């Protein structure tokens, strides 16, 4: 078994484009992330309903290629984590 962590991203809230963005990040689809950011009107620093930014999700899921795409698109690596316990939402 490979040691890695996977941040769960439930894409059942928000717009469809944001759902696609977070799902593509979760699965490490760097080309899809790039296309979504080019075509859709999404702020690269938008937050998932649990408080994570796309860059945080990519980093926690160990998706270096996606991190590079997000940083080139203007993702802010200094944004604070605003994680909310899913049981409180």
PDB file of N, CA and C in Angstrom:
ATOM      1  N   UNK A   1       0.843  -1.175   0.000  1.00  0.00           N
ATOM      2  CA  UNK A   1       0.000   0.000   0.000  1.00  0.00           C
ATOM      3  C   UNK A   1       0.891   1.241   0.000  1.00  0.00           C
ATOM      4  N   UNK A   2       0.553   2.210  -0.848  1.00  0.00           N
ATOM      5  CA  UNK A   2       1.308   3.454  -0.936  1.00  0.00           C
ATOM      6  C   UNK A   2       0.868   4.427   0.142  1.00  0.00           C
ATOM      7  N   UNK A   3       1.822   5.072   0.824  1.00  0.00           N
ATOM      8  CA  UNK A   3       1.446   6.058   1.847  1.00  0.00           C
ATOM      9  C   UNK A   3       1.102   7.392   1.197  1.00  0.00           C
ATOM     10  N   UNK A   4      -0.128   7.808   1.288  1.00  0.00           N
ATOM     11  CA  UNK A   4      -0.534   9.124   0.813  1.00  0.00           C
ATOM     12  C   UNK A   4      -1.824   9.508   1.516  1.00  0.00           C
ATOM     13  N   UNK A   5      -2.114  10.795   1.477  1.00  0.00           N
ATOM     14  CA  UNK A   5      -3.365  11.262   2.070  1.00  0.00           C
ATOM     15  C   UNK A   5      -4.258  11.770   0.954  1.00  0.00           C
ATOM     16  N   UNK A   6      -5.534  11.648   1.152  1.00  0.00           N
ATOM     17  CA  UNK A   6      -6.495  12.075   0.151  1.00  0.00           C
ATOM     18  C   UNK A   6      -7.541  12.941   0.838  1.00  0.00           C
ATOM     19  N   UNK A   7      -7.634  14.188   0.435  1.00  0.00           N
ATOM     20  CA  UNK A   7      -8.650  15.074   0.987  1.00  0.00           C
ATOM     21  C   UNK A   7      -9.950  14.792   0.261  1.00  0.00           C
ATOM     22  N   UNK A   8     -10.984  14.511   0.992  1.00  0.00           N
ATOM     23  CA  UNK A   8     -12.281  14.234   0.399  1.00  0.00           C
ATOM     24  C   UNK A   8     -12.899  15.542  -0.059  1.00  0.00           C
ATOM     25  N   UNK A   9     -13.342  15.580  -1.288  1.00  0.00           N
ATOM     26  CA  UNK A   9     -13.991  16.760  -1.832  1.00  0.00           C
ATOM     27  C   UNK A   9     -15.370  16.347  -2.302  1.00  0.00           C
ATOM     28  N   UNK A  10     -16.363  16.726  -1.556  1.00  0.00           N
ATOM     29  CA  UNK A  10     -17.743  16.447  -1.926  1.00  0.00           C
ATOM     30  C   UNK A  10     -18.237  17.639  -2.722  1.00  0.00           C
ATOM     31  N   UNK A  11     -18.521  17.426  -3.980  1.00  0.00           N
ATOM     32  CA  UNK A  11     -18.862  18.530  -4.879  1.00  0.00           C
ATOM     33  C   UNK A  11     -20.367  18.683  -5.027  1.00  0.00           C
ATOM     34  N   UNK A  12     -21.096  18.665  -3.947  1.00  0.00           N
ATOM     35  CA  UNK A  12     -22.553  18.779  -4.038  1.00  0.00           C
ATOM     36  C   UNK A  12     -23.064  20.162  -3.681  1.00  0.00           C
ATOM     37  N   UNK A  13     -22.186  21.143  -3.585  1.00  0.00           N
ATOM     38  CA  UNK A  13     -22.658  22.502  -3.351  1.00  0.00           C
ATOM     39  C   UNK A  13     -21.894  23.450  -4.255  1.00  0.00           C
ATOM     40  N   UNK A  14     -22.511  24.525  -4.654  1.00  0.00           N
ATOM     41  CA  UNK A  14     -21.856  25.480  -5.538  1.00  0.00           C
ATOM     42  C   UNK A  14     -22.221  25.236  -6.984  1.00  0.00           C
ATOM     43  N   UNK A  15     -21.598  26.007  -7.853  1.00  0.00           N
ATOM     44  CA  UNK A  15     -21.885  25.916  -9.279  1.00  0.00           C
ATOM     45  C   UNK A  15     -21.247  24.669  -9.890  1.00  0.00           C
ATOM     46  N   UNK A  16     -21.781  24.256 -11.043  1.00  0.00           N
ATOM     47  CA  UNK A  16     -21.251  23.080 -11.732  1.00  0.00           C
ATOM     48  C   UNK A  16     -19.795  23.238 -12.111  1.00  0.00           C
ATOM     49  N   UNK A  17     -19.386  24.440 -12.524  1.00  0.00           N
ATOM     50  CA  UNK A  17     -17.993  24.658 -12.904  1.00  0.00           C
ATOM     51  C   UNK A  17     -17.066  24.465 -11.711  1.00  0.00           C
ATOM     52  N   UNK A  18     -17.479  24.949 -10.559  1.00  0.00           N
ATOM     53  CA  UNK A  18     -16.666  24.763  -9.358  1.00  0.00           C
ATOM     54  C   UNK A  18     -16.610  23.296  -8.964  1.00  0.00           C
ATOM     55  N   UNK A  19     -17.709  22.583  -9.124  1.00  0.00           N
ATOM     56  CA  UNK A  19     -17.719  21.146  -8.850  1.00  0.00           C
ATOM     57  C   UNK A  19     -16.705  20.440  -9.733  1.00  0.00           C
ATOM     58  N   UNK A  20     -16.732  20.776 -11.032  1.00  0.00           N
ATOM     59  CA  UNK A  20     -15.793  20.169 -11.978  1.00  0.00           C
ATOM     60  C   UNK A  20     -14.359  20.519 -11.611  1.00  0.00           C
ATOM     61  N   UNK A  21     -14.126  21.767 -11.208  1.00  0.00           N
ATOM     62  CA  UNK A  21     -12.781  22.189 -10.829  1.00  0.00           C
ATOM     63  C   UNK A  21     -12.263  21.369  -9.657  1.00  0.00           C
ATOM     64  N   UNK A  22     -13.028  21.299  -8.583  1.00  0.00           N
ATOM     65  CA  UNK A  22     -12.563  20.569  -7.401  1.00  0.00           C
ATOM     66  C   UNK A  22     -12.442  19.069  -7.663  1.00  0.00           C
ATOM     67  N   UNK A  23     -13.322  18.522  -8.452  1.00  0.00           N
ATOM     68  CA  UNK A  23     -13.233  17.089  -8.782  1.00  0.00           C
ATOM     69  C   UNK A  23     -11.981  16.825  -9.624  1.00  0.00           C
ATOM     70  N   UNK A  24     -11.700  17.689 -10.589  1.00  0.00           N
ATOM     71  CA  UNK A  24     -10.498  17.527 -11.420  1.00  0.00           C
ATOM     72  C   UNK A  24      -9.235  17.662 -10.584  1.00  0.00           C
ATOM     73  N   UNK A  25      -9.237  18.564  -9.634  1.00  0.00           N
ATOM     74  CA  UNK A  25      -8.089  18.728  -8.742  1.00  0.00           C
ATOM     75  C   UNK A  25      -7.907  17.475  -7.904  1.00  0.00           C
ATOM     76  N   UNK A  26      -8.976  16.973  -7.348  1.00  0.00           N
ATOM     77  CA  UNK A  26      -8.921  15.788  -6.495  1.00  0.00           C
ATOM     78  C   UNK A  26      -8.307  14.603  -7.238  1.00  0.00           C
ATOM     79  N   UNK A  27      -8.644  14.440  -8.508  1.00  0.00           N
ATOM     80  CA  UNK A  27      -8.149  13.308  -9.284  1.00  0.00           C
ATOM     81  C   UNK A  27      -6.839  13.604 -10.009  1.00  0.00           C
ATOM     82  N   UNK A  28      -6.318  14.811  -9.872  1.00  0.00           N
ATOM     83  CA  UNK A  28      -5.028  15.147 -10.452  1.00  0.00           C
ATOM     84  C   UNK A  28      -5.049  15.359 -11.953  1.00  0.00           C
ATOM     85  N   UNK A  29      -6.154  15.835 -12.481  1.00  0.00           N
ATOM     86  CA  UNK A  29      -6.294  16.052 -13.919  1.00  0.00           C
ATOM     87  C   UNK A  29      -5.859  17.476 -14.266  1.00  0.00           C
ATOM     88  N   UNK A  30      -4.552  17.676 -14.345  1.00  0.00           N
ATOM     89  CA  UNK A  30      -3.992  19.013 -14.542  1.00  0.00           C
ATOM     90  C   UNK A  30      -4.487  19.664 -15.833  1.00  0.00           C
ATOM     91  N   UNK A  31      -4.605  18.900 -16.904  1.00  0.00           N
ATOM     92  CA  UNK A  31      -5.068  19.485 -18.164  1.00  0.00           C
ATOM     93  C   UNK A  31      -6.521  19.937 -18.054  1.00  0.00           C
ATOM     94  N   UNK A  32      -7.351  19.170 -17.341  1.00  0.00           N
ATOM     95  CA  UNK A  32      -8.744  19.572 -17.137  1.00  0.00           C
ATOM     96  C   UNK A  32      -8.836  20.829 -16.278  1.00  0.00           C
ATOM     97  N   UNK A  33      -8.013  20.894 -15.236  1.00  0.00           N
ATOM     98  CA  UNK A  33      -7.997  22.072 -14.364  1.00  0.00           C
ATOM     99  C   UNK A  33      -7.624  23.303 -15.186  1.00  0.00           C
ATOM    100  N   UNK A  34      -6.622  23.166 -16.020  1.00  0.00           N
ATOM    101  CA  UNK A  34      -6.193  24.276 -16.866  1.00  0.00           C
ATOM    102  C   UNK A  34      -7.314  24.728 -17.801  1.00  0.00           C
ATOM    103  N   UNK A  35      -8.001  23.769 -18.419  1.00  0.00           N
ATOM    104  CA  UNK A  35      -9.106  24.095 -19.326  1.00  0.00           C
ATOM    105  C   UNK A  35     -10.256  24.764 -18.592  1.00  0.00           C
ATOM    106  N   UNK A  36     -10.602  24.255 -17.422  1.00  0.00           N
ATOM    107  CA  UNK A  36     -11.704  24.830 -16.640  1.00  0.00           C
ATOM    108  C   UNK A  36     -11.384  26.276 -16.277  1.00  0.00           C
ATOM    109  N   UNK A  37     -10.152  26.528 -15.865  1.00  0.00           N
ATOM    110  CA  UNK A  37      -9.762  27.891 -15.484  1.00  0.00           C
ATOM    111  C   UNK A  37      -9.749  28.827 -16.686  1.00  0.00           C
ATOM    112  N   UNK A  38      -9.411  28.308 -17.866  1.00  0.00           N
ATOM    113  CA  UNK A  38      -9.389  29.128 -19.074  1.00  0.00           C
ATOM    114  C   UNK A  38     -10.796  29.456 -19.559  1.00  0.00           C
ATOM    115  N   UNK A  39     -11.668  28.454 -19.559  1.00  0.00           N
ATOM    116  CA  UNK A  39     -12.991  28.584 -20.164  1.00  0.00           C
ATOM    117  C   UNK A  39     -14.022  29.183 -19.212  1.00  0.00           C
ATOM    118  N   UNK A  40     -13.994  28.773 -17.984  1.00  0.00           N
ATOM    119  CA  UNK A  40     -15.028  29.174 -17.019  1.00  0.00           C
ATOM    120  C   UNK A  40     -14.605  30.423 -16.257  1.00  0.00           C
ATOM    121  N   UNK A  41     -15.574  31.128 -15.782  1.00  0.00           N
ATOM    122  CA  UNK A  41     -15.325  32.336 -15.000  1.00  0.00           C
ATOM    123  C   UNK A  41     -15.255  31.958 -13.518  1.00  0.00           C
ATOM    124  N   UNK A  42     -14.127  31.353 -13.133  1.00  0.00           N
ATOM    125  CA  UNK A  42     -13.938  30.901 -11.753  1.00  0.00           C
ATOM    126  C   UNK A  42     -12.712  31.598 -11.178  1.00  0.00           C
ATOM    127  N   UNK A  43     -12.858  32.134  -9.996  1.00  0.00           N
ATOM    128  CA  UNK A  43     -11.735  32.708  -9.274  1.00  0.00           C
ATOM    129  C   UNK A  43     -10.860  31.546  -8.797  1.00  0.00           C
ATOM    130  N   UNK A  44      -9.587  31.572  -9.132  1.00  0.00           N
ATOM    131  CA  UNK A  44      -8.680  30.477  -8.783  1.00  0.00           C
ATOM    132  C   UNK A  44      -8.525  30.345  -7.258  1.00  0.00           C
ATOM    133  N   UNK A  45      -8.917  31.357  -6.509  1.00  0.00           N
ATOM    134  CA  UNK A  45      -8.848  31.312  -5.051  1.00  0.00           C
ATOM    135  C   UNK A  45     -10.212  31.093  -4.404  1.00  0.00           C
ATOM    136  N   UNK A  46     -11.176  30.609  -5.191  1.00  0.00           N
ATOM    137  CA  UNK A  46     -12.492  30.317  -4.641  1.00  0.00           C
ATOM    138  C   UNK A  46     -12.374  29.257  -3.564  1.00  0.00           C
ATOM    139  N   UNK A  47     -13.321  29.217  -2.686  1.00  0.00           N
ATOM    140  CA  UNK A  47     -13.268  28.224  -1.601  1.00  0.00           C
ATOM    141  C   UNK A  47     -14.343  27.158  -1.774  1.00  0.00           C
ATOM    142  N   UNK A  48     -13.953  25.955  -1.457  1.00  0.00           N
ATOM    143  CA  UNK A  48     -14.874  24.823  -1.361  1.00  0.00           C
ATOM    144  C   UNK A  48     -15.782  25.124  -0.172  1.00  0.00           C
ATOM    145  N   UNK A  49     -16.978  24.549  -0.142  1.00  0.00           N
ATOM    146  CA  UNK A  49     -17.902  24.891   0.942  1.00  0.00           C
ATOM    147  C   UNK A  49     -17.383  24.505   2.324  1.00  0.00           C
ATOM    148  N   UNK A  50     -16.355  23.662   2.400  1.00  0.00           N
ATOM    149  CA  UNK A  50     -15.749  23.334   3.688  1.00  0.00           C
ATOM    150  C   UNK A  50     -14.575  24.256   4.034  1.00  0.00           C
ATOM    151  N   UNK A  51     -14.250  25.206   3.142  1.00  0.00           N
ATOM    152  CA  UNK A  51     -13.244  26.210   3.450  1.00  0.00           C
ATOM    153  C   UNK A  51     -11.900  26.054   2.772  1.00  0.00           C
ATOM    154  N   UNK A  52     -11.709  25.048   1.932  1.00  0.00           N
ATOM    155  CA  UNK A  52     -10.433  24.843   1.259  1.00  0.00           C
ATOM    156  C   UNK A  52     -10.378  25.595  -0.062  1.00  0.00           C
ATOM    157  N   UNK A  53      -9.184  26.035  -0.422  1.00  0.00           N
ATOM    158  CA  UNK A  53      -8.974  26.616  -1.745  1.00  0.00           C
ATOM    159  C   UNK A  53      -8.539  25.487  -2.687  1.00  0.00           C
ATOM    160  N   UNK A  54      -8.626  25.704  -3.993  1.00  0.00           N
ATOM    161  CA  UNK A  54      -8.166  24.678  -4.930  1.00  0.00           C
ATOM    162  C   UNK A  54      -6.703  24.277  -4.690  1.00  0.00           C
ATOM    163  N   UNK A  55      -5.846  25.251  -4.383  1.00  0.00           N
ATOM    164  CA  UNK A  55      -4.436  24.945  -4.146  1.00  0.00           C
ATOM    165  C   UNK A  55      -4.261  24.044  -2.925  1.00  0.00           C
ATOM    166  N   UNK A  56      -5.042  24.273  -1.888  1.00  0.00           N
ATOM    167  CA  UNK A  56      -4.967  23.432  -0.691  1.00  0.00           C
ATOM    168  C   UNK A  56      -5.363  21.997  -1.010  1.00  0.00           C
ATOM    169  N   UNK A  57      -6.426  21.843  -1.779  1.00  0.00           N
ATOM    170  CA  UNK A  57      -6.892  20.505  -2.146  1.00  0.00           C
ATOM    171  C   UNK A  57      -5.822  19.784  -2.964  1.00  0.00           C
ATOM    172  N   UNK A  58      -5.210  20.485  -3.909  1.00  0.00           N
ATOM    173  CA  UNK A  58      -4.158  19.880  -4.733  1.00  0.00           C
ATOM    174  C   UNK A  58      -2.959  19.490  -3.880  1.00  0.00           C
ATOM    175  N   UNK A  59      -2.554  20.349  -2.961  1.00  0.00           N
ATOM    176  CA  UNK A  59      -1.389  20.070  -2.125  1.00  0.00           C
ATOM    177  C   UNK A  59      -1.642  18.889  -1.194  1.00  0.00           C
ATOM    178  N   UNK A  60      -2.798  18.852  -0.559  1.00  0.00           N
ATOM    179  CA  UNK A  60      -3.117  17.764   0.371  1.00  0.00           C
ATOM    180  C   UNK A  60      -3.213  16.427  -0.359  1.00  0.00           C
ATOM    181  N   UNK A  61      -3.674  16.470  -1.605  1.00  0.00           N
ATOM    182  CA  UNK A  61      -3.785  15.251  -2.398  1.00  0.00           C
ATOM    183  C   UNK A  61      -2.500  14.900  -3.143  1.00  0.00           C
ATOM    184  N   UNK A  62      -1.435  15.663  -2.906  1.00  0.00           N
ATOM    185  CA  UNK A  62      -0.125  15.396  -3.492  1.00  0.00           C
ATOM    186  C   UNK A  62      -0.169  15.430  -5.017  1.00  0.00           C
ATOM    187  N   UNK A  63      -0.834  16.442  -5.557  1.00  0.00           N
ATOM    188  CA  UNK A  63      -0.968  16.613  -7.008  1.00  0.00           C
ATOM    189  C   UNK A  63      -0.093  17.798  -7.445  1.00  0.00           C
ATOM    190  N   UNK A  64       1.207  17.547  -7.578  1.00  0.00           N
ATOM    191  CA  UNK A  64       2.174  18.605  -7.879  1.00  0.00           C
ATOM    192  C   UNK A  64       1.887  19.282  -9.220  1.00  0.00           C
ATOM    193  N   UNK A  65       1.497  18.510 -10.231  1.00  0.00           N
ATOM    194  CA  UNK A  65       1.202  19.103 -11.542  1.00  0.00           C
ATOM    195  C   UNK A  65       0.040  20.085 -11.446  1.00  0.00           C
ATOM    196  N   UNK A  66      -0.966  19.728 -10.671  1.00  0.00           N
ATOM    197  CA  UNK A  66      -2.125  20.607 -10.500  1.00  0.00           C
ATOM    198  C   UNK A  66      -1.718  21.851  -9.710  1.00  0.00           C
ATOM    199  N   UNK A  67      -0.864  21.684  -8.711  1.00  0.00           N
ATOM    200  CA  UNK A  67      -0.369  22.836  -7.952  1.00  0.00           C
ATOM    201  C   UNK A  67       0.322  23.828  -8.875  1.00  0.00           C
ATOM    202  N   UNK A  68       1.133  23.323  -9.797  1.00  0.00           N
ATOM    203  CA  UNK A  68       1.826  24.207 -10.744  1.00  0.00           C
ATOM    204  C   UNK A  68       0.829  24.971 -11.617  1.00  0.00           C
ATOM    205  N   UNK A  69      -0.188  24.270 -12.101  1.00  0.00           N
ATOM    206  CA  UNK A  69      -1.216  24.911 -12.937  1.00  0.00           C
ATOM    207  C   UNK A  69      -1.912  26.016 -12.147  1.00  0.00           C
ATOM    208  N   UNK A  70      -2.283  25.719 -10.921  1.00  0.00           N
ATOM    209  CA  UNK A  70      -3.002  26.694 -10.094  1.00  0.00           C
ATOM    210  C   UNK A  70      -2.127  27.893  -9.760  1.00  0.00           C
ATOM    211  N   UNK A  71      -0.863  27.664  -9.454  1.00  0.00           N
ATOM    212  CA  UNK A  71       0.043  28.771  -9.147  1.00  0.00           C
ATOM    213  C   UNK A  71       0.259  29.661 -10.367  1.00  0.00           C
ATOM    214  N   UNK A  72       0.380  29.050 -11.549  1.00  0.00           N
ATOM    215  CA  UNK A  72       0.522  29.846 -12.777  1.00  0.00           C
ATOM    216  C   UNK A  72      -0.736  30.664 -13.054  1.00  0.00           C
ATOM    217  N   UNK A  73      -1.883  30.141 -12.620  1.00  0.00           N
ATOM    218  CA  UNK A  73      -3.155  30.838 -12.847  1.00  0.00           C
ATOM    219  C   UNK A  73      -3.405  31.924 -11.803  1.00  0.00           C
ATOM    220  N   UNK A  74      -2.508  32.051 -10.822  1.00  0.00           N
ATOM    221  CA  UNK A  74      -2.634  33.122  -9.837  1.00  0.00           C
ATOM    222  C   UNK A  74      -3.127  32.701  -8.471  1.00  0.00           C
ATOM    223  N   UNK A  75      -3.096  31.410  -8.170  1.00  0.00           N
ATOM    224  CA  UNK A  75      -3.516  30.953  -6.843  1.00  0.00           C
ATOM    225  C   UNK A  75      -2.603  31.539  -5.777  1.00  0.00           C
ATOM    226  N   UNK A  76      -3.186  31.975  -4.688  1.00  0.00           N
ATOM    227  CA  UNK A  76      -2.439  32.582  -3.589  1.00  0.00           C
ATOM    228  C   UNK A  76      -2.031  31.496  -2.591  1.00  0.00           C
ATOM    229  N   UNK A  77      -0.723  31.193  -2.486  1.00  0.00           N
ATOM    230  CA  UNK A  77      -0.283  30.145  -1.564  1.00  0.00           C
ATOM    231  C   UNK A  77      -0.326  30.566  -0.101  1.00  0.00           C
ATOM    232  N   UNK A  78      -0.604  31.834   0.162  1.00  0.00           N
ATOM    233  CA  UNK A  78      -0.617  32.329   1.540  1.00  0.00           C
ATOM    234  C   UNK A  78      -2.019  32.450   2.138  1.00  0.00           C
ATOM    235  N   UNK A  79      -3.025  31.969   1.432  1.00  0.00           N
ATOM    236  CA  UNK A  79      -4.390  32.054   1.969  1.00  0.00           C
ATOM    237  C   UNK A  79      -4.524  31.123   3.171  1.00  0.00           C
ATOM    238  N   UNK A  80      -5.214  31.592   4.192  1.00  0.00           N
ATOM    239  CA  UNK A  80      -5.400  30.810   5.409  1.00  0.00           C
ATOM    240  C   UNK A  80      -6.454  29.735   5.209  1.00  0.00           C
ATOM    241  N   UNK A  81      -6.276  28.658   5.922  1.00  0.00           N
ATOM    242  CA  UNK A  81      -7.232  27.558   5.905  1.00  0.00           C
ATOM    243  C   UNK A  81      -8.465  27.981   6.703  1.00  0.00           C
ATOM    244  N   UNK A  82      -9.642  27.821   6.116  1.00  0.00           N
ATOM    245  CA  UNK A  82     -10.899  28.124   6.807  1.00  0.00           C
ATOM    246  C   UNK A  82     -11.752  26.863   6.897  1.00  0.00           C
ATOM    247  N   UNK A  83     -11.080  25.725   7.146  1.00  0.00           N
ATOM    248  CA  UNK A  83     -11.786  24.454   7.205  1.00  0.00           C
ATOM    249  C   UNK A  83     -12.875  24.487   8.267  1.00  0.00           C
ATOM    250  N   UNK A  84     -14.038  23.965   7.888  1.00  0.00           N
ATOM    251  CA  UNK A  84     -15.162  23.861   8.805  1.00  0.00           C
ATOM    252  C   UNK A  84     -15.469  22.381   8.964  1.00  0.00           C
ATOM    253  N   UNK A  85     -15.621  21.960  10.172  1.00  0.00           N
ATOM    254  CA  UNK A  85     -15.956  20.570  10.438  1.00  0.00           C
ATOM    255  C   UNK A  85     -17.225  20.205   9.660  1.00  0.00           C
ATOM    256  N   UNK A  86     -17.189  19.143   8.844  1.00  0.00           N
ATOM    257  CA  UNK A  86     -18.364  18.807   8.040  1.00  0.00           C
ATOM    258  C   UNK A  86     -19.600  18.499   8.874  1.00  0.00           C
ATOM    259  N   UNK A  87     -19.408  18.148  10.128  1.00  0.00           N
ATOM    260  CA  UNK A  87     -20.553  17.862  10.985  1.00  0.00           C
ATOM    261  C   UNK A  87     -21.244  19.144  11.468  1.00  0.00           C
ATOM    262  N   UNK A  88     -20.525  20.276  11.388  1.00  0.00           N
ATOM    263  CA  UNK A  88     -21.109  21.555  11.785  1.00  0.00           C
ATOM    264  C   UNK A  88     -21.832  22.243  10.638  1.00  0.00           C
ATOM    265  N   UNK A  89     -21.564  21.817   9.390  1.00  0.00           N
ATOM    266  CA  UNK A  89     -22.205  22.473   8.253  1.00  0.00           C
ATOM    267  C   UNK A  89     -23.524  21.938   8.056  1.00  0.00           C
TER     268      UNK A  89
END
